[in-house]
Protein backbone atom coordinates (compact mmCIF):
# COMPACT_ATOMS: atom_id res chain seq x y z
CA MET A 1 -75.47 51.15 44.68
CA ARG A 2 -74.59 53.64 42.05
CA LEU A 3 -71.12 54.08 43.59
CA GLU A 4 -70.43 50.31 43.56
CA THR A 5 -71.47 50.10 39.90
CA GLU A 6 -69.03 52.79 38.90
CA GLU A 7 -66.17 51.06 40.81
CA ASN A 8 -66.89 47.75 39.03
CA GLN A 9 -66.78 49.44 35.63
CA ILE A 10 -63.41 51.07 36.43
CA SER A 11 -61.90 47.69 37.58
CA SER A 12 -63.12 46.02 34.37
CA VAL A 13 -61.45 48.67 32.21
CA ILE A 14 -58.16 48.32 34.09
CA ARG A 15 -58.15 44.50 33.63
CA ARG A 16 -58.80 44.82 29.87
CA LYS A 17 -55.86 47.23 29.49
CA SER A 18 -53.54 44.93 31.48
CA VAL A 19 -54.41 41.96 29.25
CA ARG A 20 -53.75 44.01 26.10
CA ARG A 21 -50.32 45.05 27.45
CA LEU A 22 -49.47 41.40 28.26
CA LEU A 23 -50.44 40.27 24.79
CA LEU A 24 -48.17 42.91 23.31
CA VAL A 25 -45.20 41.91 25.51
CA LEU A 26 -45.39 38.15 24.93
CA PRO A 27 -44.39 38.22 21.23
CA ILE A 28 -41.47 40.45 22.05
CA VAL A 29 -40.30 38.08 24.78
CA ALA A 30 -40.74 35.10 22.46
CA PHE A 31 -38.78 36.86 19.69
CA VAL A 32 -35.93 37.75 22.06
CA GLY A 33 -35.83 34.21 23.43
CA GLY A 34 -35.77 32.78 19.89
CA CYS A 35 -32.87 35.01 18.94
CA GLU A 36 -30.95 33.94 22.01
CA GLY A 37 -31.56 30.24 21.20
CA GLU A 38 -30.46 30.69 17.59
CA ALA A 39 -27.30 32.49 18.68
CA GLY A 40 -26.54 29.67 21.10
CA THR A 41 -27.00 27.11 18.31
CA LYS A 42 -24.67 29.00 16.03
CA ALA A 43 -22.06 29.24 18.78
CA GLU A 44 -22.16 25.46 19.23
CA MET A 45 -21.43 24.87 15.51
CA ILE A 46 -17.98 26.52 15.74
CA ARG A 47 -15.84 23.43 16.29
CA PRO A 48 -12.28 23.47 17.63
CA VAL A 49 -9.95 21.57 15.29
CA LYS A 50 -6.39 20.38 15.03
CA VAL A 51 -4.59 21.47 11.92
CA ALA A 52 -1.39 20.95 9.96
CA VAL A 53 0.30 22.98 7.26
CA VAL A 54 0.83 21.13 3.99
CA GLU A 55 4.42 20.94 2.86
CA ALA A 56 5.61 19.43 -0.40
CA GLY A 57 7.85 16.39 -0.19
CA SER A 58 11.56 16.67 -0.73
CA GLY A 59 11.44 14.77 -4.02
CA ALA A 60 13.29 11.82 -2.52
CA ARG A 61 12.47 8.81 -0.38
CA THR A 62 14.73 7.16 2.17
CA LEU A 63 14.65 3.38 2.12
CA THR A 64 16.07 1.13 4.81
CA TYR A 65 16.53 -2.61 4.36
CA SER A 66 17.96 -5.25 6.66
CA GLY A 67 20.66 -7.49 5.23
CA VAL A 68 23.43 -9.91 6.10
CA VAL A 69 27.20 -9.44 5.80
CA ARG A 70 28.49 -11.72 3.05
CA PRO A 71 31.79 -12.11 1.21
CA ARG A 72 31.81 -11.14 -2.43
CA ILE A 73 33.44 -14.47 -3.37
CA GLU A 74 32.80 -17.69 -1.46
CA SER A 75 34.34 -20.87 -2.89
CA ALA A 76 33.90 -24.58 -2.24
CA VAL A 77 37.46 -25.93 -1.99
CA GLY A 78 38.28 -29.60 -2.70
CA PHE A 79 40.99 -31.97 -3.87
CA ARG A 80 41.79 -32.30 -7.55
CA VAL A 81 42.24 -36.07 -7.17
CA ALA A 82 40.27 -38.81 -5.43
CA GLY A 83 41.45 -40.39 -2.23
CA LYS A 84 41.07 -40.88 1.50
CA ILE A 85 41.46 -37.88 3.78
CA VAL A 86 44.09 -38.52 6.44
CA GLU A 87 44.38 -34.99 7.88
CA ARG A 88 42.38 -31.74 8.06
CA ALA A 89 44.37 -28.80 9.38
CA VAL A 90 41.69 -26.07 9.56
CA ASN A 91 38.35 -25.54 11.27
CA VAL A 92 35.38 -23.24 10.83
CA GLY A 93 36.28 -19.62 11.56
CA ASP A 94 40.01 -20.02 10.91
CA ARG A 95 41.74 -17.36 8.87
CA ILE A 96 44.11 -18.94 6.38
CA ALA A 97 46.87 -17.46 4.24
CA VAL A 98 47.93 -18.23 0.70
CA GLY A 99 49.75 -21.59 0.52
CA GLN A 100 48.58 -22.80 3.93
CA VAL A 101 47.82 -26.53 4.16
CA ILE A 102 44.12 -27.29 4.47
CA ALA A 103 43.99 -31.13 4.30
CA ARG A 104 45.94 -34.16 3.05
CA LEU A 105 45.07 -37.41 1.26
CA ASP A 106 46.66 -40.84 1.54
CA GLU A 107 49.50 -40.72 -1.04
CA THR A 108 50.19 -44.46 -1.28
CA ASP A 109 48.38 -45.18 -4.53
CA LEU A 110 49.44 -41.90 -6.06
CA THR A 111 53.09 -42.60 -5.28
CA LEU A 112 52.81 -46.04 -6.87
CA ALA A 113 51.33 -44.48 -10.00
CA GLU A 114 54.23 -42.03 -10.10
CA ASN A 115 56.81 -44.83 -9.82
CA SER A 116 55.08 -46.72 -12.63
CA ALA A 117 55.23 -43.61 -14.78
CA LYS A 118 58.94 -43.25 -14.05
CA ALA A 119 59.54 -46.85 -15.18
CA ALA A 120 57.56 -46.23 -18.36
CA VAL A 121 59.73 -43.21 -19.10
CA ALA A 122 62.92 -45.27 -18.63
CA SER A 123 61.59 -47.97 -20.98
CA ALA A 124 60.60 -45.44 -23.63
CA ARG A 125 63.96 -43.74 -23.41
CA SER A 126 65.74 -47.09 -23.93
CA ARG A 127 63.65 -47.85 -27.02
CA ARG A 128 64.42 -44.44 -28.40
CA ASP A 129 68.17 -44.96 -27.88
CA VAL A 130 68.09 -48.34 -29.66
CA ALA A 131 66.13 -46.87 -32.57
CA ARG A 132 68.60 -44.00 -32.82
CA ASP A 133 71.61 -46.40 -32.96
CA ASN A 134 69.95 -48.53 -35.64
CA LEU A 135 69.33 -45.47 -37.77
CA GLU A 136 72.93 -44.33 -37.42
CA ARG A 137 74.19 -47.70 -38.69
CA ALA A 138 71.73 -47.60 -41.53
CA LYS A 139 73.13 -44.25 -42.62
CA THR A 140 76.52 -45.92 -43.04
CA LEU A 141 75.27 -49.05 -44.82
CA LEU A 142 72.86 -47.38 -47.22
CA PRO A 143 75.53 -45.71 -49.45
CA LYS A 144 77.29 -49.10 -49.76
CA ALA A 145 74.04 -50.74 -50.87
CA ILE A 146 74.29 -53.19 -47.99
CA ILE A 147 70.69 -52.33 -46.96
CA SER A 148 67.85 -51.15 -49.07
CA GLN A 149 66.16 -47.79 -48.97
CA ALA A 150 63.06 -49.43 -47.51
CA ALA A 151 65.03 -50.83 -44.58
CA TYR A 152 66.50 -47.39 -43.94
CA ASP A 153 63.05 -45.77 -43.95
CA THR A 154 61.78 -48.42 -41.50
CA ARG A 155 64.55 -47.63 -39.02
CA SER A 156 63.84 -43.92 -39.36
CA ASN A 157 60.16 -44.47 -38.60
CA GLU A 158 61.05 -46.62 -35.59
CA LEU A 159 63.11 -43.75 -34.19
CA ASN A 160 60.26 -41.30 -34.66
CA ALA A 161 57.83 -43.64 -32.90
CA ALA A 162 60.29 -44.20 -30.04
CA GLU A 163 60.73 -40.47 -29.53
CA ALA A 164 56.94 -39.92 -29.51
CA GLY A 165 56.56 -42.76 -26.99
CA LEU A 166 59.18 -41.16 -24.78
CA GLU A 167 57.35 -37.84 -24.87
CA SER A 168 54.10 -39.55 -23.94
CA ALA A 169 55.71 -41.41 -21.05
CA GLU A 170 57.29 -38.20 -19.75
CA ALA A 171 53.89 -36.42 -19.88
CA GLN A 172 52.30 -39.24 -17.91
CA LEU A 173 55.09 -38.99 -15.38
CA ARG A 174 54.43 -35.29 -14.92
CA GLN A 175 50.72 -36.01 -14.41
CA ALA A 176 51.53 -38.64 -11.79
CA ALA A 177 53.89 -36.26 -10.03
CA ASN A 178 51.22 -33.54 -10.02
CA ALA A 179 48.70 -36.00 -8.60
CA VAL A 180 51.03 -36.67 -5.68
CA GLY A 181 51.23 -32.90 -5.13
CA TYR A 182 47.44 -32.60 -5.33
CA ALA A 183 47.19 -34.98 -2.37
CA THR A 184 48.06 -31.96 -0.22
CA LEU A 185 45.29 -29.35 -0.41
CA LYS A 186 46.63 -25.80 -0.04
CA ALA A 187 44.88 -22.44 -0.09
CA ASP A 188 45.39 -20.48 -3.28
CA LYS A 189 43.95 -17.31 -1.69
CA ALA A 190 43.57 -15.82 1.77
CA GLY A 191 40.20 -16.03 3.47
CA ILE A 192 38.04 -17.34 6.28
CA VAL A 193 36.77 -20.91 6.60
CA THR A 194 32.97 -20.68 6.73
CA GLY A 195 32.13 -24.36 6.40
CA VAL A 196 33.68 -27.85 6.68
CA THR A 197 32.30 -30.83 4.75
CA GLY A 198 35.24 -33.27 4.80
CA GLU A 199 36.58 -35.21 7.77
CA PRO A 200 39.62 -37.50 8.24
CA GLY A 201 38.86 -41.04 7.13
CA GLN A 202 36.38 -39.90 4.52
CA VAL A 203 36.91 -40.99 0.91
CA VAL A 204 36.27 -38.11 -1.47
CA SER A 205 36.10 -37.84 -5.22
CA ALA A 206 37.94 -35.31 -7.33
CA GLY A 207 36.35 -31.88 -6.94
CA GLN A 208 34.24 -32.79 -3.91
CA ALA A 209 34.14 -29.87 -1.45
CA VAL A 210 36.11 -30.27 1.75
CA ILE A 211 35.75 -26.72 3.11
CA THR A 212 33.99 -23.48 2.14
CA LEU A 213 36.34 -20.52 1.94
CA ALA A 214 35.21 -16.89 2.02
CA ASP A 215 37.58 -14.60 0.18
CA ALA A 216 39.22 -12.07 2.50
CA GLY A 217 38.80 -9.35 -0.13
CA GLU A 218 35.69 -7.21 -0.60
CA THR A 219 32.83 -7.53 1.90
CA GLU A 220 29.20 -6.99 0.90
CA ILE A 221 25.73 -6.72 2.40
CA ALA A 222 23.10 -8.98 0.84
CA ILE A 223 19.60 -7.44 0.91
CA ALA A 224 16.22 -8.19 -0.69
CA VAL A 225 14.48 -5.24 -2.37
CA PRO A 226 10.75 -5.30 -3.28
CA GLU A 227 9.88 -5.09 -6.95
CA THR A 228 8.28 -1.66 -6.41
CA ASP A 229 11.68 -0.17 -5.54
CA ALA A 230 14.12 -2.39 -7.44
CA GLY A 231 13.49 -0.54 -10.70
CA ARG A 232 14.66 2.73 -9.10
CA LEU A 233 18.04 1.32 -8.04
CA ALA A 234 21.16 1.51 -10.18
CA ALA A 235 24.61 -0.04 -9.94
CA GLY A 236 27.02 2.34 -8.25
CA GLN A 237 24.32 4.08 -6.21
CA SER A 238 25.57 5.21 -2.81
CA ALA A 239 24.25 3.72 0.42
CA LYS A 240 24.89 3.83 4.15
CA VAL A 241 25.53 0.62 6.09
CA THR A 242 24.99 0.36 9.85
CA LEU A 243 25.65 -2.74 11.91
CA TRP A 244 22.95 -3.78 14.36
CA ALA A 245 25.50 -5.24 16.77
CA GLY A 246 28.09 -3.22 18.63
CA PRO A 247 28.47 0.55 18.31
CA GLN A 248 26.10 2.22 15.87
CA VAL A 249 28.79 3.25 13.41
CA SER A 250 27.82 3.82 9.78
CA THR A 251 30.10 3.17 6.85
CA PRO A 252 29.61 4.13 3.20
CA GLY A 253 28.69 1.55 0.60
CA ARG A 254 27.58 1.27 -3.01
CA VAL A 255 25.21 -0.95 -4.94
CA ARG A 256 27.35 -3.42 -6.86
CA GLU A 257 24.84 -5.92 -8.20
CA ILE A 258 21.08 -6.06 -8.75
CA GLY A 259 19.41 -9.40 -9.39
CA GLY A 260 18.08 -9.82 -12.90
CA GLN A 261 15.06 -11.86 -11.80
CA ALA A 262 12.76 -11.67 -8.79
CA ASP A 263 12.59 -14.51 -6.31
CA ALA A 264 9.63 -16.75 -7.15
CA ALA A 265 8.44 -16.95 -3.54
CA SER A 266 9.10 -13.49 -2.07
CA ARG A 267 8.94 -11.45 -5.31
CA THR A 268 12.02 -9.53 -4.21
CA TYR A 269 15.29 -8.83 -6.01
CA ALA A 270 18.65 -9.86 -4.55
CA VAL A 271 20.88 -6.79 -4.25
CA ARG A 272 24.53 -6.73 -3.17
CA VAL A 273 25.91 -3.57 -1.51
CA ALA A 274 29.71 -3.42 -1.43
CA VAL A 275 31.35 -1.95 1.66
CA ASP A 276 34.52 -0.04 0.81
CA GLY A 277 35.88 0.33 4.34
CA PRO A 278 34.44 -2.33 6.67
CA PRO A 279 34.60 -1.38 10.39
CA LYS A 280 36.67 -3.52 12.71
CA GLY A 281 33.64 -5.11 14.32
CA MET A 282 32.10 -6.32 11.05
CA ARG A 283 32.10 -10.10 10.74
CA LEU A 284 30.51 -12.42 8.23
CA GLY A 285 26.92 -13.32 9.02
CA MET A 286 26.18 -10.16 11.01
CA THR A 287 22.95 -8.25 10.44
CA ALA A 288 23.19 -4.75 9.03
CA ALA A 289 20.82 -1.98 7.98
CA VAL A 290 21.28 -0.47 4.51
CA THR A 291 19.87 3.02 3.92
CA MET A 292 19.46 4.51 0.44
CA ARG A 293 17.75 7.60 -0.97
CA LEU A 294 15.63 7.32 -4.10
CA ASP A 295 15.04 10.46 -6.16
CA GLU A 296 11.55 10.93 -7.59
CA GLU A 297 10.34 13.14 -10.40
CA ALA A 298 7.42 14.64 -8.45
CA ALA A 299 7.40 15.87 -4.87
CA PRO A 300 3.87 15.14 -3.59
CA ALA A 301 2.40 16.92 -0.58
CA VAL A 302 2.31 14.94 2.65
CA VAL A 303 -0.60 14.99 5.14
CA PRO A 304 -1.44 12.78 8.14
CA VAL A 305 -3.73 9.82 7.56
CA SER A 306 -6.25 11.33 9.98
CA ALA A 307 -6.73 14.31 7.63
CA LEU A 308 -8.47 12.16 5.01
CA ALA A 309 -12.24 11.85 4.73
CA GLU A 310 -14.49 10.22 2.14
CA ASP A 311 -17.14 11.77 -0.08
CA ASN A 312 -19.06 9.40 -2.38
CA GLY A 313 -16.17 6.98 -2.28
CA ASN A 314 -13.55 9.61 -3.15
CA PRO A 315 -10.88 10.91 -0.75
CA VAL A 316 -11.23 14.53 0.42
CA VAL A 317 -9.62 16.85 2.93
CA PHE A 318 -10.90 19.98 4.66
CA ILE A 319 -8.86 23.11 3.97
CA ILE A 320 -9.24 26.03 6.37
CA ASP A 321 -9.70 29.61 5.22
CA PRO A 322 -7.51 31.49 7.71
CA VAL A 323 -9.48 34.72 7.19
CA GLY A 324 -13.06 33.44 7.42
CA LYS A 325 -12.19 30.59 9.79
CA SER A 326 -14.28 28.16 7.73
CA VAL A 327 -13.49 24.85 6.06
CA ARG A 328 -13.65 23.92 2.39
CA LYS A 329 -14.06 20.32 1.26
CA THR A 330 -11.40 19.58 -1.36
CA PRO A 331 -11.04 16.37 -3.41
CA VAL A 332 -7.50 14.94 -3.52
CA GLU A 333 -5.61 12.26 -5.40
CA ILE A 334 -3.56 9.89 -3.23
CA ALA A 335 -0.15 8.77 -4.50
CA ARG A 336 0.92 6.34 -1.75
CA VAL A 337 0.90 5.79 1.99
CA THR A 338 4.29 6.05 3.71
CA THR A 339 5.60 6.09 7.27
CA ASP A 340 5.55 9.91 7.17
CA GLY A 341 1.89 10.09 6.16
CA VAL A 342 -0.16 10.10 2.96
CA GLN A 343 1.43 11.50 -0.18
CA VAL A 344 -1.14 13.53 -2.14
CA ALA A 345 -0.39 13.80 -5.84
CA ALA A 346 -3.04 16.43 -6.66
CA GLY A 347 -5.52 18.71 -4.88
CA LEU A 348 -3.26 20.42 -2.35
CA GLN A 349 -0.66 23.15 -2.45
CA SER A 350 2.20 23.90 -0.16
CA GLY A 351 1.00 26.17 2.64
CA ASP A 352 -2.60 24.94 2.77
CA ILE A 353 -3.95 24.43 6.30
CA VAL A 354 -5.81 21.15 6.60
CA VAL A 355 -7.85 19.70 9.46
CA THR A 356 -6.17 16.65 10.96
CA ALA A 357 -8.70 15.49 13.57
CA GLY A 358 -12.49 15.17 13.68
CA VAL A 359 -12.98 15.48 9.93
CA GLN A 360 -16.00 13.16 10.10
CA PHE A 361 -17.95 15.87 11.99
CA LEU A 362 -17.25 18.65 9.47
CA ARG A 363 -19.22 19.84 6.50
CA ASP A 364 -18.39 22.21 3.71
CA GLY A 365 -18.47 25.84 4.89
CA MET A 366 -18.58 25.08 8.61
CA ARG A 367 -16.84 27.57 10.86
CA VAL A 368 -14.02 26.25 13.03
CA ARG A 369 -11.74 27.49 15.78
CA LEU A 370 -7.99 27.15 15.29
CA PRO A 371 -5.71 26.03 18.10
CA GLY A 372 -5.21 28.96 20.45
CA GLU A 373 -1.84 27.87 21.81
CA GLY A 374 1.38 26.71 20.22
CA PRO A 375 2.55 27.02 16.63
CA VAL A 376 0.81 25.28 13.75
CA ALA A 377 2.29 21.85 13.11
CA ARG A 378 4.67 21.41 10.22
CA ALA A 379 5.67 18.53 8.00
CA GLY A 380 2.30 16.82 8.32
CA LYS A 381 2.46 16.45 12.12
CA PRO A 382 -0.71 17.61 13.92
CA ILE A 383 -0.57 19.74 17.03
């Protein structure tokens, strides 16, 4: 019995020591496990990001507008006298030379008016001859006191009136002769017929358009420029014109005219771009693209749209510290949005590395991992 009691006391002491050792080990295990969990949490917070290097703009913008090939001068051509059209010698698309016949009127009434004017001239010439003979006789009779001075003055006045009547009749004859010539409509300049509004058998008034003639001289491109850019254009500014049809050949041009008032509906300004050397394939009515460069005083930095975030309603970007591999929230001022990206007027400098994807998951001071492969994107294009 005494031996069993001693063995029980020894077993009890051993169990108490084992429990004390376990209680000492558990906090250590818990501490180590907590450290491992915290390290794992920190490792998860290092986010991989896509980045771009900020580059300042070139100080100029390239604008491209679509336009239509138009002649600089386009005239509505018509007869200078009224009458009935009996012939039209040209059609739409015809190229005509100077002096070429376009159309003719019925000359019957005009010829009759010319003959009447000729008869009036003959009658006025006869009256003038009679008045001249009477005055010559009066010059002989007046010194002999056969006629009075009053009778002599009357014959002199009759001669003056007869001469004036003859001049008037001759002027009317010239007008009648011109009217007969106006019955044949001829081109006074070379060009292309772009429209026909008179047909044979139609009675037209003086000045009514029969055809529309585009001058064969300078060719232009008519474009519409928004009011935001029209103020930056100037007459004489260089441009590049490219036809949409046929081979993509560009030809130089220059701004010749800028509309003084915006269109009431579209709020755009009509601009004419003269083409100095039109290519062979350029025809009136074709569509062309006009490219111009506009110089600007400031050269804002350009970043992708995806690089922007919002903080209390204000735009911000995240700039990366290349040494600490952490991000810094930076407020920016947006100038405008273009096809190349967002132009930032203030807040960025050339060479800054900005995050371009996943900015909504970042916070100020968060560590990030840069792309491991490939060069950093340039000109605002993310990797």
